[in-house]
All heavy atoms as atom14 arrays in JSON, in Angstrom:
{
  "sequence": "ALPVVVGGSMLYIQSLLDDWSFPATDPAVRARWERRLAEEGVGPLHAE",
  "atom14_mask": [
    [1, 1, 1, 1, 1, 0, 0, 0, 0, 0, 0, 0, 0, 0],
    [1, 1, 1, 1, 1, 1, 1, 1, 0, 0, 0, 0, 0, 0],
    [1, 1, 1, 1, 1, 1, 1, 0, 0, 0, 0, 0, 0, 0],
    [1, 1, 1, 1, 1, 1, 1, 0, 0, 0, 0, 0, 0, 0],
    [1, 1, 1, 1, 1, 1, 1, 0, 0, 0, 0, 0, 0, 0],
    [1, 1, 1, 1, 1, 1, 1, 0, 0, 0, 0, 0, 0, 0],
    [1, 1, 1, 1, 0, 0, 0, 0, 0, 0, 0, 0, 0, 0],
    [1, 1, 1, 1, 0, 0, 0, 0, 0, 0, 0, 0, 0, 0],
    [1, 1, 1, 1, 1, 1, 0, 0, 0, 0, 0, 0, 0, 0],
    [1, 1, 1, 1, 1, 1, 1, 1, 0, 0, 0, 0, 0, 0],
    [1, 1, 1, 1, 1, 1, 1, 1, 0, 0, 0, 0, 0, 0],
    [1, 1, 1, 1, 1, 1, 1, 1, 1, 1, 1, 1, 0, 0],
    [1, 1, 1, 1, 1, 1, 1, 1, 0, 0, 0, 0, 0, 0],
    [1, 1, 1, 1, 1, 1, 1, 1, 1, 0, 0, 0, 0, 0],
    [1, 1, 1, 1, 1, 1, 0, 0, 0, 0, 0, 0, 0, 0],
    [1, 1, 1, 1, 1, 1, 1, 1, 0, 0, 0, 0, 0, 0],
    [1, 1, 1, 1, 1, 1, 1, 1, 0, 0, 0, 0, 0, 0],
    [1, 1, 1, 1, 1, 1, 1, 1, 0, 0, 0, 0, 0, 0],
    [1, 1, 1, 1, 1, 1, 1, 1, 0, 0, 0, 0, 0, 0],
    [1, 1, 1, 1, 1, 1, 1, 1, 1, 1, 1, 1, 1, 1],
    [1, 1, 1, 1, 1, 1, 0, 0, 0, 0, 0, 0, 0, 0],
    [1, 1, 1, 1, 1, 1, 1, 1, 1, 1, 1, 0, 0, 0],
    [1, 1, 1, 1, 1, 1, 1, 0, 0, 0, 0, 0, 0, 0],
    [1, 1, 1, 1, 1, 0, 0, 0, 0, 0, 0, 0, 0, 0],
    [1, 1, 1, 1, 1, 1, 1, 0, 0, 0, 0, 0, 0, 0],
    [1, 1, 1, 1, 1, 1, 1, 1, 0, 0, 0, 0, 0, 0],
    [1, 1, 1, 1, 1, 1, 1, 0, 0, 0, 0, 0, 0, 0],
    [1, 1, 1, 1, 1, 0, 0, 0, 0, 0, 0, 0, 0, 0],
    [1, 1, 1, 1, 1, 1, 1, 0, 0, 0, 0, 0, 0, 0],
    [1, 1, 1, 1, 1, 1, 1, 1, 1, 1, 1, 0, 0, 0],
    [1, 1, 1, 1, 1, 0, 0, 0, 0, 0, 0, 0, 0, 0],
    [1, 1, 1, 1, 1, 1, 1, 1, 1, 1, 1, 0, 0, 0],
    [1, 1, 1, 1, 1, 1, 1, 1, 1, 1, 1, 1, 1, 1],
    [1, 1, 1, 1, 1, 1, 1, 1, 1, 0, 0, 0, 0, 0],
    [1, 1, 1, 1, 1, 1, 1, 1, 1, 1, 1, 0, 0, 0],
    [1, 1, 1, 1, 1, 1, 1, 1, 1, 1, 1, 0, 0, 0],
    [1, 1, 1, 1, 1, 1, 1, 1, 0, 0, 0, 0, 0, 0],
    [1, 1, 1, 1, 1, 0, 0, 0, 0, 0, 0, 0, 0, 0],
    [1, 1, 1, 1, 1, 1, 1, 1, 1, 0, 0, 0, 0, 0],
    [1, 1, 1, 1, 1, 1, 1, 1, 1, 0, 0, 0, 0, 0],
    [1, 1, 1, 1, 0, 0, 0, 0, 0, 0, 0, 0, 0, 0],
    [1, 1, 1, 1, 1, 1, 1, 0, 0, 0, 0, 0, 0, 0],
    [1, 1, 1, 1, 0, 0, 0, 0, 0, 0, 0, 0, 0, 0],
    [1, 1, 1, 1, 1, 1, 1, 0, 0, 0, 0, 0, 0, 0],
    [1, 1, 1, 1, 1, 1, 1, 1, 0, 0, 0, 0, 0, 0],
    [1, 1, 1, 1, 1, 1, 1, 1, 1, 1, 0, 0, 0, 0],
    [1, 1, 1, 1, 1, 0, 0, 0, 0, 0, 0, 0, 0, 0],
    [1, 1, 1, 1, 1, 1, 1, 1, 1, 0, 0, 0, 0, 0]
  ],
  "atom14_positions": [
    [[-15.6, 6.71, -18.13], [-14.6, 7.46, -18.9], [-13.21, 7.19, -18.36], [-13.03, 6.62, -17.26], [-14.92, 8.95, -18.84], [0.0, 0.0, 0.0], [0.0, 0.0, 0.0], [0.0, 0.0, 0.0], [0.0, 0.0, 0.0], [0.0, 0.0, 0.0], [0.0, 0.0, 0.0], [0.0, 0.0, 0.0], [0.0, 0.0, 0.0], [0.0, 0.0, 0.0]],
    [[-12.21, 7.58, -19.13], [-10.81, 7.39, -18.75], [-10.28, 8.65, -18.11], [-10.21, 9.7, -18.75], [-9.98, 7.05, -20.0], [-8.45, 7.1, -19.83], [-8.0, 6.03, -18.83], [-7.76, 6.91, -21.19], [0.0, 0.0, 0.0], [0.0, 0.0, 0.0], [0.0, 0.0, 0.0], [0.0, 0.0, 0.0], [0.0, 0.0, 0.0], [0.0, 0.0, 0.0]],
    [[-9.85, 8.6, -16.84], [-9.22, 9.78, -16.22], [-7.75, 9.87, -16.63], [-7.03, 8.88, -16.56], [-9.33, 9.51, -14.72], [-10.15, 8.25, -14.58], [-10.02, 7.52, -15.86], [0.0, 0.0, 0.0], [0.0, 0.0, 0.0], [0.0, 0.0, 0.0], [0.0, 0.0, 0.0], [0.0, 0.0, 0.0], [0.0, 0.0, 0.0], [0.0, 0.0, 0.0]],
    [[-7.33, 11.06, -17.05], [-5.92, 11.3, -17.37], [-5.45, 12.44, -16.48], [-5.91, 13.57, -16.57], [-5.75, 11.7, -18.86], [-4.28, 12.02, -19.14], [-6.2, 10.54, -19.77], [0.0, 0.0, 0.0], [0.0, 0.0, 0.0], [0.0, 0.0, 0.0], [0.0, 0.0, 0.0], [0.0, 0.0, 0.0], [0.0, 0.0, 0.0], [0.0, 0.0, 0.0]],
    [[-4.53, 12.11, -15.57], [-3.96, 13.09, -14.63], [-2.74, 13.71, -15.33], [-1.87, 13.0, -15.82], [-3.53, 12.41, -13.33], [-2.9, 13.41, -12.36], [-4.73, 11.72, -12.68], [0.0, 0.0, 0.0], [0.0, 0.0, 0.0], [0.0, 0.0, 0.0], [0.0, 0.0, 0.0], [0.0, 0.0, 0.0], [0.0, 0.0, 0.0], [0.0, 0.0, 0.0]],
    [[-2.66, 15.05, -15.32], [-1.58, 15.74, -16.04], [-1.0, 16.84, -15.17], [-1.73, 17.69, -14.67], [-2.11, 16.36, -17.35], [-0.96, 17.01, -18.12], [-2.8, 15.35, -18.22], [0.0, 0.0, 0.0], [0.0, 0.0, 0.0], [0.0, 0.0, 0.0], [0.0, 0.0, 0.0], [0.0, 0.0, 0.0], [0.0, 0.0, 0.0], [0.0, 0.0, 0.0]],
    [[0.32, 16.82, -14.99], [0.96, 17.92, -14.28], [2.34, 17.58, -13.8], [2.86, 16.49, -14.05], [0.0, 0.0, 0.0], [0.0, 0.0, 0.0], [0.0, 0.0, 0.0], [0.0, 0.0, 0.0], [0.0, 0.0, 0.0], [0.0, 0.0, 0.0], [0.0, 0.0, 0.0], [0.0, 0.0, 0.0], [0.0, 0.0, 0.0], [0.0, 0.0, 0.0]],
    [[2.93, 18.54, -13.09], [4.31, 18.38, -12.65], [4.54, 18.73, -11.19], [5.68, 18.81, -10.74], [0.0, 0.0, 0.0], [0.0, 0.0, 0.0], [0.0, 0.0, 0.0], [0.0, 0.0, 0.0], [0.0, 0.0, 0.0], [0.0, 0.0, 0.0], [0.0, 0.0, 0.0], [0.0, 0.0, 0.0], [0.0, 0.0, 0.0], [0.0, 0.0, 0.0]],
    [[3.44, 18.94, -10.42], [3.6, 19.27, -9.01], [3.83, 17.98, -8.22], [2.93, 17.14, -8.07], [2.36, 19.99, -8.48], [2.28, 21.28, -9.06], [0.0, 0.0, 0.0], [0.0, 0.0, 0.0], [0.0, 0.0, 0.0], [0.0, 0.0, 0.0], [0.0, 0.0, 0.0], [0.0, 0.0, 0.0], [0.0, 0.0, 0.0], [0.0, 0.0, 0.0]],
    [[5.04, 17.82, -7.74], [5.53, 16.53, -7.29], [4.71, 15.93, -6.15], [4.23, 14.79, -6.23], [7.0, 16.69, -6.89], [7.88, 17.09, -8.06], [9.46, 17.86, -7.55], [8.95, 19.51, -7.03], [0.0, 0.0, 0.0], [0.0, 0.0, 0.0], [0.0, 0.0, 0.0], [0.0, 0.0, 0.0], [0.0, 0.0, 0.0], [0.0, 0.0, 0.0]],
    [[4.55, 16.68, -5.06], [3.83, 16.17, -3.9], [2.36, 15.91, -4.24], [1.73, 14.97, -3.74], [3.95, 17.11, -2.72], [5.28, 17.07, -1.96], [5.32, 18.17, -0.93], [5.5, 15.71, -1.31], [0.0, 0.0, 0.0], [0.0, 0.0, 0.0], [0.0, 0.0, 0.0], [0.0, 0.0, 0.0], [0.0, 0.0, 0.0], [0.0, 0.0, 0.0]],
    [[1.79, 16.79, -5.05], [0.38, 16.64, -5.42], [0.14, 15.33, -6.15], [-0.8, 14.6, -5.87], [-0.07, 17.82, -6.28], [-0.29, 19.09, -5.51], [0.79, 19.73, -4.86], [-1.52, 19.69, -5.45], [0.58, 20.88, -4.13], [-1.73, 20.85, -4.73], [-0.67, 21.45, -4.07], [-0.88, 22.6, -3.35], [0.0, 0.0, 0.0], [0.0, 0.0, 0.0]],
    [[1.04, 15.03, -7.09], [0.89, 13.79, -7.86], [1.07, 12.57, -6.98], [0.27, 11.63, -6.98], [1.88, 13.77, -9.03], [1.51, 14.87, -10.05], [1.94, 12.41, -9.7], [2.59, 15.17, -11.06], [0.0, 0.0, 0.0], [0.0, 0.0, 0.0], [0.0, 0.0, 0.0], [0.0, 0.0, 0.0], [0.0, 0.0, 0.0], [0.0, 0.0, 0.0]],
    [[2.13, 12.58, -6.17], [2.39, 11.39, -5.37], [1.33, 11.2, -4.28], [0.94, 10.09, -3.96], [3.79, 11.41, -4.75], [4.14, 10.05, -4.18], [5.63, 9.91, -3.89], [6.4, 10.82, -4.04], [6.02, 8.71, -3.46], [0.0, 0.0, 0.0], [0.0, 0.0, 0.0], [0.0, 0.0, 0.0], [0.0, 0.0, 0.0], [0.0, 0.0, 0.0]],
    [[0.84, 12.31, -3.72], [-0.21, 12.17, -2.69], [-1.45, 11.53, -3.29], [-2.13, 10.74, -2.62], [-0.57, 13.54, -2.11], [-1.35, 14.31, -3.02], [0.0, 0.0, 0.0], [0.0, 0.0, 0.0], [0.0, 0.0, 0.0], [0.0, 0.0, 0.0], [0.0, 0.0, 0.0], [0.0, 0.0, 0.0], [0.0, 0.0, 0.0], [0.0, 0.0, 0.0]],
    [[-1.75, 11.86, -4.54], [-2.93, 11.31, -5.21], [-2.73, 9.83, -5.58], [-3.59, 9.0, -5.27], [-3.24, 12.13, -6.47], [-4.4, 11.68, -7.32], [-5.72, 11.82, -6.52], [-4.49, 12.5, -8.6], [0.0, 0.0, 0.0], [0.0, 0.0, 0.0], [0.0, 0.0, 0.0], [0.0, 0.0, 0.0], [0.0, 0.0, 0.0], [0.0, 0.0, 0.0]],
    [[-1.61, 9.52, -6.18], [-1.4, 8.17, -6.7], [-0.98, 7.17, -5.63], [-1.12, 5.96, -5.81], [-0.37, 8.2, -7.82], [-0.74, 9.03, -9.05], [0.29, 8.87, -10.15], [-2.14, 8.68, -9.56], [0.0, 0.0, 0.0], [0.0, 0.0, 0.0], [0.0, 0.0, 0.0], [0.0, 0.0, 0.0], [0.0, 0.0, 0.0], [0.0, 0.0, 0.0]],
    [[-0.44, 7.67, -4.5], [-0.01, 6.77, -3.44], [-0.88, 6.89, -2.19], [-0.54, 6.35, -1.14], [1.45, 7.01, -3.1], [2.38, 6.47, -4.16], [2.35, 5.26, -4.43], [3.13, 7.27, -4.76], [0.0, 0.0, 0.0], [0.0, 0.0, 0.0], [0.0, 0.0, 0.0], [0.0, 0.0, 0.0], [0.0, 0.0, 0.0], [0.0, 0.0, 0.0]],
    [[-2.01, 7.62, -2.32], [-2.98, 7.72, -1.24], [-2.29, 8.05, 0.08], [-2.45, 7.39, 1.1], [-3.77, 6.4, -1.11], [-5.04, 6.59, -0.29], [-5.43, 7.75, -0.05], [-5.63, 5.57, 0.14], [0.0, 0.0, 0.0], [0.0, 0.0, 0.0], [0.0, 0.0, 0.0], [0.0, 0.0, 0.0], [0.0, 0.0, 0.0], [0.0, 0.0, 0.0]],
    [[-1.5, 9.11, 0.06], [-0.72, 9.53, 1.2], [-1.62, 9.91, 2.39], [-2.58, 10.68, 2.24], [0.1, 10.74, 0.77], [1.12, 11.23, 1.77], [1.54, 10.58, 2.88], [1.83, 12.46, 1.71], [2.49, 11.35, 3.54], [2.68, 12.51, 2.82], [1.83, 13.53, 0.8], [3.53, 13.57, 3.08], [2.68, 14.59, 1.06], [3.51, 14.64, 2.17]],
    [[-1.33, 9.37, 3.54], [-1.97, 9.79, 4.79], [-1.16, 10.89, 5.41], [0.04, 10.73, 5.69], [-2.07, 8.59, 5.74], [-2.89, 7.58, 5.22], [0.0, 0.0, 0.0], [0.0, 0.0, 0.0], [0.0, 0.0, 0.0], [0.0, 0.0, 0.0], [0.0, 0.0, 0.0], [0.0, 0.0, 0.0], [0.0, 0.0, 0.0], [0.0, 0.0, 0.0]],
    [[-1.78, 12.01, 5.65], [-1.05, 13.19, 6.09], [-0.87, 13.22, 7.61], [-1.79, 12.87, 8.35], [-1.77, 14.47, 5.63], [-1.78, 14.63, 4.16], [-2.79, 14.09, 3.4], [-0.74, 15.26, 3.5], [-2.79, 14.19, 2.02], [-0.72, 15.38, 2.13], [-1.76, 14.85, 1.39], [0.0, 0.0, 0.0], [0.0, 0.0, 0.0], [0.0, 0.0, 0.0]],
    [[0.33, 13.61, 8.04], [0.57, 13.71, 9.48], [-0.3, 14.8, 10.11], [-0.78, 15.7, 9.42], [2.06, 14.07, 9.57], [2.39, 14.68, 8.25], [1.5, 14.0, 7.26], [0.0, 0.0, 0.0], [0.0, 0.0, 0.0], [0.0, 0.0, 0.0], [0.0, 0.0, 0.0], [0.0, 0.0, 0.0], [0.0, 0.0, 0.0], [0.0, 0.0, 0.0]],
    [[-0.49, 14.67, 11.41], [-1.37, 15.58, 12.12], [-0.86, 17.03, 12.03], [0.33, 17.27, 11.79], [-1.47, 15.16, 13.58], [0.0, 0.0, 0.0], [0.0, 0.0, 0.0], [0.0, 0.0, 0.0], [0.0, 0.0, 0.0], [0.0, 0.0, 0.0], [0.0, 0.0, 0.0], [0.0, 0.0, 0.0], [0.0, 0.0, 0.0], [0.0, 0.0, 0.0]],
    [[-1.77, 17.94, 12.22], [-1.41, 19.36, 12.3], [-2.0, 19.95, 13.55], [-3.01, 19.46, 14.06], [-1.9, 20.12, 11.05], [-1.44, 21.48, 11.1], [-3.42, 20.11, 10.96], [0.0, 0.0, 0.0], [0.0, 0.0, 0.0], [0.0, 0.0, 0.0], [0.0, 0.0, 0.0], [0.0, 0.0, 0.0], [0.0, 0.0, 0.0], [0.0, 0.0, 0.0]],
    [[-1.36, 20.96, 14.07], [-1.83, 21.64, 15.28], [-1.77, 23.14, 15.0], [-0.69, 23.7, 14.83], [-0.94, 21.26, 16.48], [-1.45, 21.87, 17.79], [-1.68, 23.09, 17.82], [-1.59, 21.13, 18.77], [0.0, 0.0, 0.0], [0.0, 0.0, 0.0], [0.0, 0.0, 0.0], [0.0, 0.0, 0.0], [0.0, 0.0, 0.0], [0.0, 0.0, 0.0]],
    [[-2.94, 23.79, 14.98], [-2.97, 25.23, 14.64], [-2.08, 26.08, 15.52], [-1.46, 27.04, 15.06], [-4.45, 25.6, 14.81], [-5.18, 24.31, 14.61], [-4.3, 23.24, 15.17], [0.0, 0.0, 0.0], [0.0, 0.0, 0.0], [0.0, 0.0, 0.0], [0.0, 0.0, 0.0], [0.0, 0.0, 0.0], [0.0, 0.0, 0.0], [0.0, 0.0, 0.0]],
    [[-2.01, 25.74, 16.8], [-1.19, 26.55, 17.71], [0.29, 26.39, 17.39], [1.05, 27.38, 17.38], [-1.47, 26.15, 19.16], [0.0, 0.0, 0.0], [0.0, 0.0, 0.0], [0.0, 0.0, 0.0], [0.0, 0.0, 0.0], [0.0, 0.0, 0.0], [0.0, 0.0, 0.0], [0.0, 0.0, 0.0], [0.0, 0.0, 0.0], [0.0, 0.0, 0.0]],
    [[0.73, 25.15, 17.16], [2.13, 24.92, 16.81], [2.46, 25.57, 15.46], [3.5, 26.24, 15.33], [2.42, 23.4, 16.75], [3.83, 23.14, 16.25], [2.23, 22.79, 18.15], [0.0, 0.0, 0.0], [0.0, 0.0, 0.0], [0.0, 0.0, 0.0], [0.0, 0.0, 0.0], [0.0, 0.0, 0.0], [0.0, 0.0, 0.0], [0.0, 0.0, 0.0]],
    [[1.58, 25.39, 14.49], [1.81, 26.01, 13.17], [1.91, 27.53, 13.29], [2.79, 28.16, 12.71], [0.66, 25.62, 12.24], [0.67, 26.35, 10.89], [1.72, 25.8, 9.95], [1.48, 24.42, 9.62], [0.74, 24.03, 8.57], [0.2, 24.92, 7.77], [0.57, 22.76, 8.32], [0.0, 0.0, 0.0], [0.0, 0.0, 0.0], [0.0, 0.0, 0.0]],
    [[0.99, 28.13, 14.07], [0.97, 29.59, 14.23], [2.27, 30.09, 14.87], [2.79, 31.15, 14.49], [-0.23, 30.01, 15.05], [0.0, 0.0, 0.0], [0.0, 0.0, 0.0], [0.0, 0.0, 0.0], [0.0, 0.0, 0.0], [0.0, 0.0, 0.0], [0.0, 0.0, 0.0], [0.0, 0.0, 0.0], [0.0, 0.0, 0.0], [0.0, 0.0, 0.0]],
    [[2.79, 29.32, 15.83], [4.02, 29.74, 16.48], [5.18, 29.77, 15.5], [5.96, 30.72, 15.48], [4.33, 28.8, 17.66], [5.67, 29.03, 18.31], [5.71, 28.52, 19.74], [5.07, 27.22, 19.87], [5.63, 26.07, 19.56], [6.87, 26.03, 19.05], [4.99, 24.92, 19.73], [0.0, 0.0, 0.0], [0.0, 0.0, 0.0], [0.0, 0.0, 0.0]],
    [[5.31, 28.73, 14.65], [6.38, 28.72, 13.67], [6.16, 29.79, 12.6], [7.13, 30.39, 12.12], [6.49, 27.33, 13.02], [7.07, 26.28, 13.91], [6.46, 25.19, 14.45], [8.42, 26.24, 14.4], [7.33, 24.47, 15.23], [8.55, 25.08, 15.22], [9.53, 27.06, 14.21], [9.73, 24.74, 15.83], [10.72, 26.72, 14.84], [10.82, 25.58, 15.64]],
    [[4.91, 30.03, 12.24], [4.64, 31.07, 11.23], [4.95, 32.46, 11.76], [5.4, 33.32, 11.0], [3.19, 30.96, 10.75], [2.94, 29.76, 9.86], [1.51, 29.65, 9.38], [0.63, 30.28, 10.02], [1.27, 28.94, 8.4], [0.0, 0.0, 0.0], [0.0, 0.0, 0.0], [0.0, 0.0, 0.0], [0.0, 0.0, 0.0], [0.0, 0.0, 0.0]],
    [[4.72, 32.68, 13.07], [5.11, 33.96, 13.65], [6.61, 34.14, 13.58], [7.11, 35.23, 13.25], [4.63, 34.03, 15.11], [3.18, 34.44, 15.29], [2.89, 34.88, 16.71], [3.22, 33.84, 17.71], [2.37, 32.87, 18.06], [1.17, 32.79, 17.52], [2.72, 31.99, 18.97], [0.0, 0.0, 0.0], [0.0, 0.0, 0.0], [0.0, 0.0, 0.0]],
    [[7.34, 33.08, 13.88], [8.81, 33.18, 13.79], [9.26, 33.42, 12.35], [10.22, 34.19, 12.11], [9.47, 31.91, 14.35], [9.44, 31.81, 15.86], [10.34, 30.7, 16.36], [11.72, 30.83, 15.89], [12.67, 29.92, 16.11], [12.38, 28.83, 16.81], [13.9, 30.11, 15.64], [0.0, 0.0, 0.0], [0.0, 0.0, 0.0], [0.0, 0.0, 0.0]],
    [[8.57, 32.79, 11.42], [8.89, 33.01, 10.01], [8.7, 34.47, 9.65], [9.54, 35.08, 8.96], [8.01, 32.13, 9.14], [8.17, 32.3, 7.62], [9.57, 31.88, 7.18], [7.11, 31.5, 6.86], [0.0, 0.0, 0.0], [0.0, 0.0, 0.0], [0.0, 0.0, 0.0], [0.0, 0.0, 0.0], [0.0, 0.0, 0.0], [0.0, 0.0, 0.0]],
    [[7.59, 35.07, 10.09], [7.32, 36.47, 9.78], [8.3, 37.4, 10.47], [8.72, 38.42, 9.89], [5.88, 36.83, 10.2], [0.0, 0.0, 0.0], [0.0, 0.0, 0.0], [0.0, 0.0, 0.0], [0.0, 0.0, 0.0], [0.0, 0.0, 0.0], [0.0, 0.0, 0.0], [0.0, 0.0, 0.0], [0.0, 0.0, 0.0], [0.0, 0.0, 0.0]],
    [[8.74, 37.05, 11.67], [9.62, 37.93, 12.46], [11.09, 37.77, 12.08], [11.83, 38.77, 12.02], [9.44, 37.63, 13.95], [8.06, 38.0, 14.49], [7.83, 37.43, 15.88], [8.73, 36.75, 16.4], [6.71, 37.67, 16.41], [0.0, 0.0, 0.0], [0.0, 0.0, 0.0], [0.0, 0.0, 0.0], [0.0, 0.0, 0.0], [0.0, 0.0, 0.0]],
    [[11.51, 36.53, 11.8], [12.93, 36.25, 11.61], [13.32, 35.98, 10.16], [14.5, 36.05, 9.79], [13.35, 35.04, 12.46], [13.04, 35.2, 13.96], [13.3, 33.91, 14.71], [14.21, 33.17, 14.31], [12.61, 33.66, 15.72], [0.0, 0.0, 0.0], [0.0, 0.0, 0.0], [0.0, 0.0, 0.0], [0.0, 0.0, 0.0], [0.0, 0.0, 0.0]],
    [[12.32, 35.6, 9.34], [12.64, 35.2, 7.97], [12.91, 33.71, 7.89], [13.05, 33.01, 8.92], [0.0, 0.0, 0.0], [0.0, 0.0, 0.0], [0.0, 0.0, 0.0], [0.0, 0.0, 0.0], [0.0, 0.0, 0.0], [0.0, 0.0, 0.0], [0.0, 0.0, 0.0], [0.0, 0.0, 0.0], [0.0, 0.0, 0.0], [0.0, 0.0, 0.0]],
    [[12.99, 33.2, 6.67], [13.11, 31.76, 6.47], [14.48, 31.22, 6.86], [14.62, 30.06, 7.27], [12.76, 31.38, 5.0], [13.77, 31.94, 4.03], [12.66, 29.85, 4.84], [0.0, 0.0, 0.0], [0.0, 0.0, 0.0], [0.0, 0.0, 0.0], [0.0, 0.0, 0.0], [0.0, 0.0, 0.0], [0.0, 0.0, 0.0], [0.0, 0.0, 0.0]],
    [[15.53, 32.05, 6.76], [16.9, 31.58, 7.03], [17.07, 30.94, 8.39], [17.52, 29.79, 8.51], [0.0, 0.0, 0.0], [0.0, 0.0, 0.0], [0.0, 0.0, 0.0], [0.0, 0.0, 0.0], [0.0, 0.0, 0.0], [0.0, 0.0, 0.0], [0.0, 0.0, 0.0], [0.0, 0.0, 0.0], [0.0, 0.0, 0.0], [0.0, 0.0, 0.0]],
    [[16.74, 31.64, 9.49], [16.9, 31.04, 10.81], [16.06, 29.79, 11.02], [16.48, 28.86, 11.7], [16.47, 32.18, 11.76], [16.7, 33.44, 10.98], [16.4, 33.07, 9.56], [0.0, 0.0, 0.0], [0.0, 0.0, 0.0], [0.0, 0.0, 0.0], [0.0, 0.0, 0.0], [0.0, 0.0, 0.0], [0.0, 0.0, 0.0], [0.0, 0.0, 0.0]],
    [[14.84, 29.77, 10.42], [14.0, 28.59, 10.58], [14.57, 27.41, 9.83], [14.53, 26.28, 10.33], [12.57, 28.89, 10.11], [11.59, 29.29, 11.23], [12.0, 30.64, 11.83], [10.17, 29.33, 10.71], [0.0, 0.0, 0.0], [0.0, 0.0, 0.0], [0.0, 0.0, 0.0], [0.0, 0.0, 0.0], [0.0, 0.0, 0.0], [0.0, 0.0, 0.0]],
    [[15.13, 27.64, 8.65], [15.72, 26.55, 7.91], [16.97, 26.02, 8.66], [17.21, 24.81, 8.66], [16.11, 27.02, 6.49], [16.35, 25.91, 5.55], [17.6, 25.33, 5.39], [15.51, 25.22, 4.7], [17.52, 24.36, 4.5], [16.28, 24.27, 4.06], [0.0, 0.0, 0.0], [0.0, 0.0, 0.0], [0.0, 0.0, 0.0], [0.0, 0.0, 0.0]],
    [[17.68, 26.92, 9.29], [18.83, 26.48, 10.11], [18.35, 25.67, 11.3], [19.01, 24.66, 11.66], [19.62, 27.71, 10.57], [0.0, 0.0, 0.0], [0.0, 0.0, 0.0], [0.0, 0.0, 0.0], [0.0, 0.0, 0.0], [0.0, 0.0, 0.0], [0.0, 0.0, 0.0], [0.0, 0.0, 0.0], [0.0, 0.0, 0.0], [0.0, 0.0, 0.0]],
    [[17.24, 26.05, 11.89], [16.66, 25.26, 12.99], [16.28, 23.89, 12.51], [16.5, 22.87, 13.19], [15.44, 26.01, 13.54], [14.68, 25.27, 14.63], [15.4, 25.3, 15.97], [16.35, 26.11, 16.12], [15.04, 24.52, 16.86], [0.0, 0.0, 0.0], [0.0, 0.0, 0.0], [0.0, 0.0, 0.0], [0.0, 0.0, 0.0], [0.0, 0.0, 0.0]]
  ]
}
């Protein structure tokens, strides 16, 4: 059959069509930044 991909989510489309290899993730590092996000809000993190 013919697959037809339909949508407008930018990263989703490009990750699929360009076989994007994703950079590593570290739960501890992610959790630390998420704690700061919850405590300080997105503004200070975006400035960082």
